[in-house]
C-alpha cells in the first residue's frame, strides 16, 4: 500500500492477488468505518495501512467472511488510534472539529450515510468512550451483528448489547431527531451565505437560531475562537466584526461536505476554511468552522464513502 493506504501489490500481467482484490473491494467501506470512529481522514488512512499489513498475513482459506474479517481488523486498529487521539486532543488548542471531507454526490443521496458523517453527529460521537463509539458506529450505522461486534472489540455479545443500548440512548439525548432535507438546509445556507458576504448583521440574525453555537477550529495555526460562542447576537456580531477587521475579500461557494450542504470560504482567493451547519426549524443551530489547514487536505477532491 502507498501512504494513502492503497493496496498496490499485484501479480504478473497486471492481475491482483486474492488478498489485494478483497481489500480493494471493501476499501471504501473500511475507510468509512475508520473515519466515523476517528473523525480524522489522516488517522483513518493510517488505520487502513495497518489493516492491510495484517490482512496480507492472513490465510484466506481459513476466512469464511472476508468483509467481516476486514471490518474486524480495521475496527481494532481504529480503536487503538482512537485512544491515542483522545490523549492528543487534551493538548489541542481550542475546539476540535472532525476533518471535513468533500464527498461524492451518492453520499448526499444516501440519507443514512449523510447523517452518519454529518459534523453534528460526529461531534456527539466525540462524547462517547472509544468502545462505545466503536459499538455505536458498527451497530447503528453499519448494522453489524452484536456477535461480530463482540469479536471486533473484544467483549462478550451480552456486554456489546448493553454498550449499544447505553451509547444509543446517549446519542439520542444529544442529537436532534428532526430530519432536515438537503434542500431545506441549502435554502437556509444560501441565506447565511448572502448575509455573510454582505456583512449583513440583521441578515445573520434572521437565519441564526437564538441558541446557535459556533465552534471554530484553528488548531493553534489559524486564529479561531478559543471557546464555543453561543447566542445569535454574539455569533453574528463576532462574524461581522471579524470580517471588518480582516479587510480582505471574502468569497464563498456551495459544496457537499460530509454528505451535507456546506460552504468553502476563500479570503483574497485562498481557501480559508469550511463551514458546516446544523439546521432545525429553518434556522441554524450549529455553525462548525474548520480553519486548521492540516484538516483541509481532503476538500480538493471527492472522497468516496459507503455503508456496504
C-alpha atoms as a PDB file:
ATOM      1  CA  UNK A   1       0.000   0.000   0.000  1.00  0.00           C
ATOM      2  CA  UNK A   2       1.113   3.563  -0.523  1.00  0.00           C
ATOM      3  CA  UNK A   3       0.910   6.355   2.052  1.00  0.00           C
ATOM      4  CA  UNK A   4      -2.792   6.870   1.313  1.00  0.00           C
ATOM      5  CA  UNK A   5      -3.474   3.224   2.195  1.00  0.00           C
ATOM      6  CA  UNK A   6      -3.949   1.912  -1.353  1.00  0.00           C
ATOM      7  CA  UNK A   7      -3.087  -1.715  -1.984  1.00  0.00           C
ATOM      8  CA  UNK A   8      -0.641  -1.853  -4.854  1.00  0.00           C
ATOM      9  CA  UNK A   9       0.706  -5.382  -4.715  1.00  0.00           C
ATOM     10  CA  UNK A  10      -0.126  -7.362  -7.834  1.00  0.00           C
ATOM     11  CA  UNK A  11       0.901 -10.257  -9.990  1.00  0.00           C
ATOM     12  CA  UNK A  12       2.254 -10.577 -13.478  1.00  0.00           C
ATOM     13  CA  UNK A  13       0.047  -9.340 -16.278  1.00  0.00           C
ATOM     14  CA  UNK A  14      -1.481  -6.617 -14.116  1.00  0.00           C
ATOM     15  CA  UNK A  15      -3.710  -9.018 -12.185  1.00  0.00           C
ATOM     16  CA  UNK A  16      -4.031  -8.587  -8.448  1.00  0.00           C
ATOM     17  CA  UNK A  17      -3.764 -11.389  -5.942  1.00  0.00           C
ATOM     18  CA  UNK A  18      -6.834 -12.538  -3.927  1.00  0.00           C
ATOM     19  CA  UNK A  19      -5.831 -10.629  -0.781  1.00  0.00           C
ATOM     20  CA  UNK A  20      -5.462  -7.379  -2.726  1.00  0.00           C
ATOM     21  CA  UNK A  21      -8.717  -7.924  -4.602  1.00  0.00           C
ATOM     22  CA  UNK A  22     -10.620  -8.479  -1.373  1.00  0.00           C
ATOM     23  CA  UNK A  23      -9.067  -5.446   0.284  1.00  0.00           C
ATOM     24  CA  UNK A  24      -9.776  -3.165  -2.678  1.00  0.00           C
ATOM     25  CA  UNK A  25     -13.342  -4.451  -2.929  1.00  0.00           C
ATOM     26  CA  UNK A  26     -14.025  -3.316   0.647  1.00  0.00           C
ATOM     27  CA  UNK A  27     -11.629  -0.374   0.892  1.00  0.00           C
ATOM     28  CA  UNK A  28     -14.263   2.377   0.808  1.00  0.00           C
ATOM     29  CA  UNK A  29     -16.263   0.576   3.497  1.00  0.00           C
ATOM     30  CA  UNK A  30     -13.185   0.161   5.695  1.00  0.00           C
ATOM     31  CA  UNK A  31     -12.272   3.827   5.294  1.00  0.00           C
ATOM     32  CA  UNK A  32     -15.830   4.872   6.203  1.00  0.00           C
ATOM     33  CA  UNK A  33     -15.791   2.693   9.336  1.00  0.00           C
ATOM     34  CA  UNK A  34     -12.412   4.069  10.425  1.00  0.00           C
ATOM     35  CA  UNK A  35     -13.341   7.680   9.639  1.00  0.00           C
ATOM     36  CA  UNK A  36     -16.617   7.515  11.569  1.00  0.00           C
ATOM     37  CA  UNK A  37     -14.746   6.099  14.531  1.00  0.00           C
ATOM     38  CA  UNK A  38     -11.881   8.604  14.367  1.00  0.00           C
ATOM     39  CA  UNK A  39     -13.182  11.815  12.780  1.00  0.00           C
ATOM     40  CA  UNK A  40      -9.839  12.131  11.022  1.00  0.00           C
ATOM     41  CA  UNK A  41      -9.130  11.104   7.437  1.00  0.00           C
ATOM     42  CA  UNK A  42      -5.392  11.002   8.069  1.00  0.00           C
ATOM     43  CA  UNK A  43      -5.793   8.647  11.018  1.00  0.00           C
ATOM     44  CA  UNK A  44      -8.343   6.582   9.101  1.00  0.00           C
ATOM     45  CA  UNK A  45      -5.801   6.110   6.292  1.00  0.00           C
ATOM     46  CA  UNK A  46      -3.196   5.034   8.841  1.00  0.00           C
ATOM     47  CA  UNK A  47      -5.675   2.527  10.287  1.00  0.00           C
ATOM     48  CA  UNK A  48      -6.215   1.146   6.783  1.00  0.00           C
ATOM     49  CA  UNK A  49      -2.471   0.855   6.264  1.00  0.00           C
ATOM     50  CA  UNK A  50      -2.229  -1.231   9.434  1.00  0.00           C
ATOM     51  CA  UNK A  51      -5.278  -3.254   8.391  1.00  0.00           C
ATOM     52  CA  UNK A  52      -3.639  -4.094   5.080  1.00  0.00           C
ATOM     53  CA  UNK A  53      -0.378  -5.149   6.729  1.00  0.00           C
ATOM     54  CA  UNK A  54      -2.270  -7.587   8.957  1.00  0.00           C
ATOM     55  CA  UNK A  55      -4.597  -8.761   6.196  1.00  0.00           C
ATOM     56  CA  UNK A  56      -1.798  -9.924   3.871  1.00  0.00           C
ATOM     57  CA  UNK A  57      -0.564 -12.261   6.610  1.00  0.00           C
ATOM     58  CA  UNK A  58      -3.944 -13.984   6.960  1.00  0.00           C
ATOM     59  CA  UNK A  59      -4.547 -17.436   5.495  1.00  0.00           C
ATOM     60  CA  UNK A  60      -7.557 -16.657   3.284  1.00  0.00           C
ATOM     61  CA  UNK A  61      -8.509 -20.325   3.150  1.00  0.00           C
ATOM     62  CA  UNK A  62      -9.466 -20.039   6.838  1.00  0.00           C
ATOM     63  CA  UNK A  63     -11.620 -16.902   6.353  1.00  0.00           C
ATOM     64  CA  UNK A  64     -15.340 -17.569   5.813  1.00  0.00           C
ATOM     65  CA  UNK A  65     -16.447 -13.917   5.506  1.00  0.00           C
ATOM     66  CA  UNK A  66     -13.737 -11.629   4.165  1.00  0.00           C
ATOM     67  CA  UNK A  67     -15.791  -8.459   4.648  1.00  0.00           C
ATOM     68  CA  UNK A  68     -16.468  -9.212   8.312  1.00  0.00           C
ATOM     69  CA  UNK A  69     -12.854 -10.198   8.914  1.00  0.00           C
ATOM     70  CA  UNK A  70     -11.546  -6.975   7.337  1.00  0.00           C
ATOM     71  CA  UNK A  71     -14.018  -4.844   9.316  1.00  0.00           C
ATOM     72  CA  UNK A  72     -12.866  -6.609  12.484  1.00  0.00           C
ATOM     73  CA  UNK A  73      -9.217  -5.790  11.788  1.00  0.00           C
ATOM     74  CA  UNK A  74      -9.996  -2.188  10.825  1.00  0.00           C
ATOM     75  CA  UNK A  75     -12.095  -1.705  13.959  1.00  0.00           C
ATOM     76  CA  UNK A  76      -9.314  -2.913  16.210  1.00  0.00           C
ATOM     77  CA  UNK A  77      -6.743  -0.696  14.517  1.00  0.00           C
ATOM     78  CA  UNK A  78      -9.096   2.287  14.663  1.00  0.00           C
ATOM     79  CA  UNK A  79      -9.809   1.643  18.354  1.00  0.00           C
ATOM     80  CA  UNK A  80      -6.094   1.746  19.130  1.00  0.00           C
ATOM     81  CA  UNK A  81      -5.768   5.026  17.257  1.00  0.00           C
ATOM     82  CA  UNK A  82      -8.902   6.467  18.847  1.00  0.00           C
ATOM     83  CA  UNK A  83      -7.423   6.007  22.319  1.00  0.00           C
ATOM     84  CA  UNK A  84      -4.218   7.752  21.199  1.00  0.00           C
ATOM     85  CA  UNK A  85      -6.174  10.589  19.557  1.00  0.00           C
ATOM     86  CA  UNK A  86      -8.114  11.238  22.747  1.00  0.00           C
ATOM     87  CA  UNK A  87      -4.834  11.878  24.517  1.00  0.00           C
ATOM     88  CA  UNK A  88      -3.724  14.248  21.747  1.00  0.00           C
ATOM     89  CA  UNK A  89      -6.980  16.177  21.935  1.00  0.00           C
ATOM     90  CA  UNK A  90      -6.316  17.031  25.564  1.00  0.00           C
ATOM     91  CA  UNK A  91      -3.499  19.291  24.333  1.00  0.00           C
ATOM     92  CA  UNK A  92      -5.378  20.619  21.294  1.00  0.00           C
ATOM     93  CA  UNK A  93      -5.682  24.413  21.071  1.00  0.00           C
ATOM     94  CA  UNK A  94      -9.343  25.467  21.071  1.00  0.00           C
ATOM     95  CA  UNK A  95     -12.351  23.398  19.955  1.00  0.00           C
ATOM     96  CA  UNK A  96     -11.645  20.206  17.993  1.00  0.00           C
ATOM     97  CA  UNK A  97     -13.771  19.522  14.918  1.00  0.00           C
ATOM     98  CA  UNK A  98     -13.794  16.468  12.623  1.00  0.00           C
ATOM     99  CA  UNK A  99     -11.733  16.671   9.455  1.00  0.00           C
ATOM    100  CA  UNK A 100     -14.117  17.723   6.650  1.00  0.00           C
ATOM    101  CA  UNK A 101     -14.385  15.590   3.521  1.00  0.00           C
ATOM    102  CA  UNK A 102     -15.572  16.751   0.120  1.00  0.00           C
ATOM    103  CA  UNK A 103     -17.887  13.871  -0.726  1.00  0.00           C
ATOM    104  CA  UNK A 104     -19.331  12.318  -3.865  1.00  0.00           C
ATOM    105  CA  UNK A 105     -22.974  13.009  -4.866  1.00  0.00           C
ATOM    106  CA  UNK A 106     -24.109   9.499  -3.916  1.00  0.00           C
ATOM    107  CA  UNK A 107     -23.196  10.168  -0.274  1.00  0.00           C
ATOM    108  CA  UNK A 108     -25.681  13.047  -0.100  1.00  0.00           C
ATOM    109  CA  UNK A 109     -28.334  10.869  -1.746  1.00  0.00           C
ATOM    110  CA  UNK A 110     -27.971   8.203   0.962  1.00  0.00           C
ATOM    111  CA  UNK A 111     -29.818   9.769   3.905  1.00  0.00           C
ATOM    112  CA  UNK A 112     -28.463   7.330   6.492  1.00  0.00           C
ATOM    113  CA  UNK A 113     -24.867   7.711   5.316  1.00  0.00           C
ATOM    114  CA  UNK A 114     -25.055  11.514   5.100  1.00  0.00           C
ATOM    115  CA  UNK A 115     -26.483  11.685   8.607  1.00  0.00           C
ATOM    116  CA  UNK A 116     -23.837   9.342   9.999  1.00  0.00           C
ATOM    117  CA  UNK A 117     -20.940  11.506   8.758  1.00  0.00           C
ATOM    118  CA  UNK A 118     -22.550  14.888   9.479  1.00  0.00           C
ATOM    119  CA  UNK A 119     -20.490  17.262  11.597  1.00  0.00           C
ATOM    120  CA  UNK A 120     -23.264  17.459  14.167  1.00  0.00           C
ATOM    121  CA  UNK A 121     -23.430  13.696  14.761  1.00  0.00           C
ATOM    122  CA  UNK A 122     -19.664  13.256  14.588  1.00  0.00           C
ATOM    123  CA  UNK A 123     -19.329  15.791  17.401  1.00  0.00           C
ATOM    124  CA  UNK A 124     -21.831  13.882  19.520  1.00  0.00           C
ATOM    125  CA  UNK A 125     -19.815  10.706  18.935  1.00  0.00           C
ATOM    126  CA  UNK A 126     -16.831  12.524  20.444  1.00  0.00           C
ATOM    127  CA  UNK A 127     -18.618  12.376  23.812  1.00  0.00           C
ATOM    128  CA  UNK A 128     -18.656   8.556  23.799  1.00  0.00           C
ATOM    129  CA  UNK A 129     -15.885   6.355  25.135  1.00  0.00           C
ATOM    130  CA  UNK A 130     -13.767   4.640  22.445  1.00  0.00           C
ATOM    131  CA  UNK A 131     -15.538   1.301  22.898  1.00  0.00           C
ATOM    132  CA  UNK A 132     -18.987   2.929  22.980  1.00  0.00           C
ATOM    133  CA  UNK A 133     -18.195   4.798  19.775  1.00  0.00           C
ATOM    134  CA  UNK A 134     -16.991   1.657  18.012  1.00  0.00           C
ATOM    135  CA  UNK A 135     -20.077  -0.285  19.069  1.00  0.00           C
ATOM    136  CA  UNK A 136     -22.455   2.533  18.124  1.00  0.00           C
ATOM    137  CA  UNK A 137     -20.884   3.036  14.697  1.00  0.00           C
ATOM    138  CA  UNK A 138     -20.788  -0.664  13.861  1.00  0.00           C
ATOM    139  CA  UNK A 139     -24.297  -1.403  15.130  1.00  0.00           C
ATOM    140  CA  UNK A 140     -26.334   1.740  14.442  1.00  0.00           C
ATOM    141  CA  UNK A 141     -24.623   2.893  11.253  1.00  0.00           C
ATOM    142  CA  UNK A 142     -23.452  -0.307   9.571  1.00  0.00           C
ATOM    143  CA  UNK A 143     -25.962  -2.763  11.048  1.00  0.00           C
ATOM    144  CA  UNK A 144     -23.311  -5.296  12.049  1.00  0.00           C
ATOM    145  CA  UNK A 145     -24.465  -8.079  14.364  1.00  0.00           C
ATOM    146  CA  UNK A 146     -23.720  -7.999  18.083  1.00  0.00           C
ATOM    147  CA  UNK A 147     -21.720 -11.199  17.697  1.00  0.00           C
ATOM    148  CA  UNK A 148     -19.445  -9.736  15.004  1.00  0.00           C
ATOM    149  CA  UNK A 149     -19.005  -6.540  17.016  1.00  0.00           C
ATOM    150  CA  UNK A 150     -18.087  -8.586  20.084  1.00  0.00           C
ATOM    151  CA  UNK A 151     -15.286 -10.250  18.122  1.00  0.00           C
ATOM    152  CA  UNK A 152     -14.072  -6.856  16.895  1.00  0.00           C
ATOM    153  CA  UNK A 153     -13.990  -5.053  20.251  1.00  0.00           C
ATOM    154  CA  UNK A 154     -13.036  -7.976  22.470  1.00  0.00           C
ATOM    155  CA  UNK A 155     -16.253  -8.101  24.526  1.00  0.00           C
ATOM    156  CA  UNK A 156     -18.985 -10.662  25.036  1.00  0.00           C
ATOM    157  CA  UNK A 157     -22.179 -10.388  22.978  1.00  0.00           C
ATOM    158  CA  UNK A 158     -24.141  -9.589  26.144  1.00  0.00           C
ATOM    159  CA  UNK A 159     -21.747  -6.773  27.023  1.00  0.00           C
ATOM    160  CA  UNK A 160     -21.959  -5.391  23.489  1.00  0.00           C
ATOM    161  CA  UNK A 161     -25.766  -5.295  23.700  1.00  0.00           C
ATOM    162  CA  UNK A 162     -25.554  -3.272  26.920  1.00  0.00           C
ATOM    163  CA  UNK A 163     -22.941  -0.919  25.460  1.00  0.00           C
ATOM    164  CA  UNK A 164     -25.021  -0.455  22.300  1.00  0.00           C
ATOM    165  CA  UNK A 165     -28.122   0.415  24.331  1.00  0.00           C
ATOM    166  CA  UNK A 166     -26.193   2.880  26.510  1.00  0.00           C
ATOM    167  CA  UNK A 167     -24.472   4.534  23.538  1.00  0.00           C
ATOM    168  CA  UNK A 168     -27.718   4.839  21.557  1.00  0.00           C
ATOM    169  CA  UNK A 169     -29.518   6.461  24.486  1.00  0.00           C
ATOM    170  CA  UNK A 170     -26.578   8.859  24.976  1.00  0.00           C
ATOM    171  CA  UNK A 171     -26.561   9.911  21.304  1.00  0.00           C
ATOM    172  CA  UNK A 172     -30.346  10.283  21.088  1.00  0.00           C
ATOM    173  CA  UNK A 173     -30.347  12.615  24.096  1.00  0.00           C
ATOM    174  CA  UNK A 174     -27.809  14.930  22.427  1.00  0.00           C
ATOM    175  CA  UNK A 175     -28.726  14.788  18.748  1.00  0.00           C
ATOM    176  CA  UNK A 176     -31.919  16.298  17.268  1.00  0.00           C
ATOM    177  CA  UNK A 177     -34.380  13.817  15.826  1.00  0.00           C
ATOM    178  CA  UNK A 178     -35.800  16.225  13.253  1.00  0.00           C
ATOM    179  CA  UNK A 179     -34.937  15.146   9.720  1.00  0.00           C
ATOM    180  CA  UNK A 180     -33.951  18.125   7.581  1.00  0.00           C
ATOM    181  CA  UNK A 181     -33.666  17.527   3.849  1.00  0.00           C
ATOM    182  CA  UNK A 182     -30.600  18.693   1.898  1.00  0.00           C
ATOM    183  CA  UNK A 183     -32.887  21.083   0.031  1.00  0.00           C
ATOM    184  CA  UNK A 184     -34.084  22.721   3.248  1.00  0.00           C
ATOM    185  CA  UNK A 185     -30.517  23.001   4.507  1.00  0.00           C
ATOM    186  CA  UNK A 186     -29.398  24.582   1.218  1.00  0.00           C
ATOM    187  CA  UNK A 187     -32.117  27.244   1.441  1.00  0.00           C
ATOM    188  CA  UNK A 188     -31.005  28.218   4.948  1.00  0.00           C
ATOM    189  CA  UNK A 189     -27.343  28.060   3.993  1.00  0.00           C
ATOM    190  CA  UNK A 190     -27.925  30.336   0.982  1.00  0.00           C
ATOM    191  CA  UNK A 191     -29.485  32.951   3.269  1.00  0.00           C
ATOM    192  CA  UNK A 192     -26.492  32.664   5.590  1.00  0.00           C
ATOM    193  CA  UNK A 193     -24.116  32.923   2.622  1.00  0.00           C
ATOM    194  CA  UNK A 194     -25.723  36.147   1.375  1.00  0.00           C
ATOM    195  CA  UNK A 195     -25.604  37.710   4.820  1.00  0.00           C
ATOM    196  CA  UNK A 196     -22.015  36.588   5.318  1.00  0.00           C
ATOM    197  CA  UNK A 197     -20.703  38.006   2.042  1.00  0.00           C
ATOM    198  CA  UNK A 198     -22.501  41.347   2.542  1.00  0.00           C
ATOM    199  CA  UNK A 199     -21.633  41.609   6.261  1.00  0.00           C
ATOM    200  CA  UNK A 200     -25.386  41.934   6.902  1.00  0.00           C
ATOM    201  CA  UNK A 201     -25.832  41.776  10.682  1.00  0.00           C
ATOM    202  CA  UNK A 202     -29.635  41.646  10.535  1.00  0.00           C
ATOM    203  CA  UNK A 203     -29.495  39.026   7.797  1.00  0.00           C
ATOM    204  CA  UNK A 204     -27.351  36.836  10.045  1.00  0.00           C
ATOM    205  CA  UNK A 205     -29.675  37.354  12.998  1.00  0.00           C
ATOM    206  CA  UNK A 206     -32.619  36.302  10.829  1.00  0.00           C
ATOM    207  CA  UNK A 207     -31.035  32.955   9.880  1.00  0.00           C
ATOM    208  CA  UNK A 208     -29.372  32.058  13.196  1.00  0.00           C
ATOM    209  CA  UNK A 209     -31.389  30.356  15.933  1.00  0.00           C
ATOM    210  CA  UNK A 210     -31.396  32.266  19.255  1.00  0.00           C
ATOM    211  CA  UNK A 211     -29.371  29.464  20.901  1.00  0.00           C
ATOM    212  CA  UNK A 212     -26.966  28.888  17.987  1.00  0.00           C
ATOM    213  CA  UNK A 213     -23.471  27.654  18.882  1.00  0.00           C
ATOM    214  CA  UNK A 214     -20.390  28.494  16.819  1.00  0.00           C
ATOM    215  CA  UNK A 215     -17.374  26.186  17.032  1.00  0.00           C
ATOM    216  CA  UNK A 216     -14.244  27.237  15.156  1.00  0.00           C
ATOM    217  CA  UNK A 217     -11.195  25.026  14.789  1.00  0.00           C
ATOM    218  CA  UNK A 218      -7.895  26.747  14.009  1.00  0.00           C
ATOM    219  CA  UNK A 219      -5.757  24.146  15.724  1.00  0.00           C
ATOM    220  CA  UNK A 220      -3.423  26.826  17.044  1.00  0.00           C
ATOM    221  CA  UNK A 221      -2.352  27.506  13.449  1.00  0.00           C
ATOM    222  CA  UNK A 222      -5.135  29.872  12.348  1.00  0.00           C
ATOM    223  CA  UNK A 223      -6.973  32.381  14.514  1.00  0.00           C
ATOM    224  CA  UNK A 224     -10.201  30.968  15.928  1.00  0.00           C
ATOM    225  CA  UNK A 225     -12.442  31.459  18.945  1.00  0.00           C
ATOM    226  CA  UNK A 226     -10.805  29.545  21.816  1.00  0.00           C
ATOM    227  CA  UNK A 227     -14.199  28.589  23.245  1.00  0.00           C
ATOM    228  CA  UNK A 228     -17.668  27.924  21.790  1.00  0.00           C
ATOM    229  CA  UNK A 229     -19.613  31.127  21.047  1.00  0.00           C
ATOM    230  CA  UNK A 230     -23.293  30.918  21.990  1.00  0.00           C
ATOM    231  CA  UNK A 231     -26.271  33.054  21.042  1.00  0.00           C
ATOM    232  CA  UNK A 232     -27.347  34.628  17.737  1.00  0.00           C
ATOM    233  CA  UNK A 233     -26.344  38.147  18.781  1.00  0.00           C
ATOM    234  CA  UNK A 234     -22.839  37.189  19.888  1.00  0.00           C
ATOM    235  CA  UNK A 235     -22.217  34.957  16.884  1.00  0.00           C
ATOM    236  CA  UNK A 236     -23.497  37.488  14.339  1.00  0.00           C
ATOM    237  CA  UNK A 237     -21.533  40.386  15.853  1.00  0.00           C
ATOM    238  CA  UNK A 238     -18.381  38.266  16.018  1.00  0.00           C
ATOM    239  CA  UNK A 239     -18.678  37.359  12.340  1.00  0.00           C
ATOM    240  CA  UNK A 240     -19.328  40.899  11.142  1.00  0.00           C
ATOM    241  CA  UNK A 241     -16.649  42.376  13.388  1.00  0.00           C
ATOM    242  CA  UNK A 242     -14.086  39.767  12.383  1.00  0.00           C
ATOM    243  CA  UNK A 243     -14.666  40.313   8.676  1.00  0.00           C
ATOM    244  CA  UNK A 244     -14.479  44.080   9.137  1.00  0.00           C
ATOM    245  CA  UNK A 245     -11.136  43.908  10.908  1.00  0.00           C
ATOM    246  CA  UNK A 246      -9.671  41.444   8.421  1.00  0.00           C
ATOM    247  CA  UNK A 247     -10.100  43.816   5.454  1.00  0.00           C
ATOM    248  CA  UNK A 248      -9.960  41.001   2.949  1.00  0.00           C
ATOM    249  CA  UNK A 249     -12.098  39.957   0.014  1.00  0.00           C
ATOM    250  CA  UNK A 250     -14.409  37.178   1.182  1.00  0.00           C
ATOM    251  CA  UNK A 251     -15.974  34.756  -1.277  1.00  0.00           C
ATOM    252  CA  UNK A 252     -17.804  31.523  -0.631  1.00  0.00           C
ATOM    253  CA  UNK A 253     -19.083  28.644  -2.700  1.00  0.00           C
ATOM    254  CA  UNK A 254     -21.546  25.882  -2.014  1.00  0.00           C
ATOM    255  CA  UNK A 255     -20.161  22.378  -1.637  1.00  0.00           C
ATOM    256  CA  UNK A 256     -21.179  18.975  -0.328  1.00  0.00           C
ATOM    257  CA  UNK A 257     -19.030  18.213   2.699  1.00  0.00           C
ATOM    258  CA  UNK A 258     -19.532  15.050   4.753  1.00  0.00           C
ATOM    259  CA  UNK A 259     -22.605  14.350   2.664  1.00  0.00           C
ATOM    260  CA  UNK A 260     -24.309  17.627   3.611  1.00  0.00           C
ATOM    261  CA  UNK A 261     -24.552  21.157   2.182  1.00  0.00           C
ATOM    262  CA  UNK A 262     -21.656  23.358   3.322  1.00  0.00           C
ATOM    263  CA  UNK A 263     -19.606  26.383   2.291  1.00  0.00           C
ATOM    264  CA  UNK A 264     -15.990  26.667   1.196  1.00  0.00           C
ATOM    265  CA  UNK A 265     -14.657  30.063   2.255  1.00  0.00           C
ATOM    266  CA  UNK A 266     -11.877  31.954   0.492  1.00  0.00           C
ATOM    267  CA  UNK A 267     -10.095  35.064   1.697  1.00  0.00           C
ATOM    268  CA  UNK A 268      -8.389  37.000  -1.091  1.00  0.00           C
ATOM    269  CA  UNK A 269      -8.843  33.950  -3.298  1.00  0.00           C
ATOM    270  CA  UNK A 270      -7.152  31.472  -0.952  1.00  0.00           C
ATOM    271  CA  UNK A 271      -9.055  28.659   0.787  1.00  0.00           C
ATOM    272  CA  UNK A 272      -9.551  29.718   4.391  1.00  0.00           C
ATOM    273  CA  UNK A 273     -11.884  27.055   5.700  1.00  0.00           C
ATOM    274  CA  UNK A 274     -15.074  25.040   5.579  1.00  0.00           C
ATOM    275  CA  UNK A 275     -18.352  25.960   7.240  1.00  0.00           C
ATOM    276  CA  UNK A 276     -20.815  23.170   8.012  1.00  0.00           C
ATOM    277  CA  UNK A 277     -24.162  23.764   9.670  1.00  0.00           C
ATOM    278  CA  UNK A 278     -26.873  22.090  11.684  1.00  0.00           C
ATOM    279  CA  UNK A 279     -30.382  23.262  10.871  1.00  0.00           C
ATOM    280  CA  UNK A 280     -33.532  22.961  12.965  1.00  0.00           C
ATOM    281  CA  UNK A 281     -36.859  24.683  12.305  1.00  0.00           C
ATOM    282  CA  UNK A 282     -35.403  26.539   9.286  1.00  0.00           C
ATOM    283  CA  UNK A 283     -32.661  28.176  11.357  1.00  0.00           C
ATOM    284  CA  UNK A 284     -29.023  27.393  12.021  1.00  0.00           C
ATOM    285  CA  UNK A 285     -28.440  25.938  15.473  1.00  0.00           C
ATOM    286  CA  UNK A 286     -24.856  24.832  14.902  1.00  0.00           C
ATOM    287  CA  UNK A 287     -22.026  26.504  12.960  1.00  0.00           C
ATOM    288  CA  UNK A 288     -18.844  24.489  12.508  1.00  0.00           C
ATOM    289  CA  UNK A 289     -15.911  26.386  11.006  1.00  0.00           C
ATOM    290  CA  UNK A 290     -12.763  24.388  10.254  1.00  0.00           C
ATOM    291  CA  UNK A 291      -9.760  26.654   9.547  1.00  0.00           C
ATOM    292  CA  UNK A 292      -6.909  24.390  10.629  1.00  0.00           C
ATOM    293  CA  UNK A 293      -5.000  23.923   7.331  1.00  0.00           C
ATOM    294  CA  UNK A 294      -3.918  20.434   8.372  1.00  0.00           C
ATOM    295  CA  UNK A 295      -7.598  19.445   8.254  1.00  0.00           C
ATOM    296  CA  UNK A 296      -8.309  20.917   4.823  1.00  0.00           C
ATOM    297  CA  UNK A 297      -6.390  18.422   2.701  1.00  0.00           C
ATOM    298  CA  UNK A 298      -9.493  16.434   1.695  1.00  0.00           C
ATOM    299  CA  UNK A 299     -11.576  19.247   0.181  1.00  0.00           C
ATOM    300  CA  UNK A 300      -9.714  19.448  -3.136  1.00  0.00           C
ATOM    301  CA  UNK A 301     -11.074  16.126  -4.391  1.00  0.00           C
ATOM    302  CA  UNK A 302     -14.045  13.941  -3.509  1.00  0.00           C
ATOM    303  CA  UNK A 303     -13.757  11.086  -1.029  1.00  0.00           C
ATOM    304  CA  UNK A 304     -15.960   8.019  -1.674  1.00  0.00           C
ATOM    305  CA  UNK A 305     -17.824   6.675   1.369  1.00  0.00           C
ATOM    306  CA  UNK A 306     -20.177   3.730   1.707  1.00  0.00           C
ATOM    307  CA  UNK A 307     -22.165   1.731   4.257  1.00  0.00           C
ATOM    308  CA  UNK A 308     -21.790  -1.504   2.262  1.00  0.00           C
END
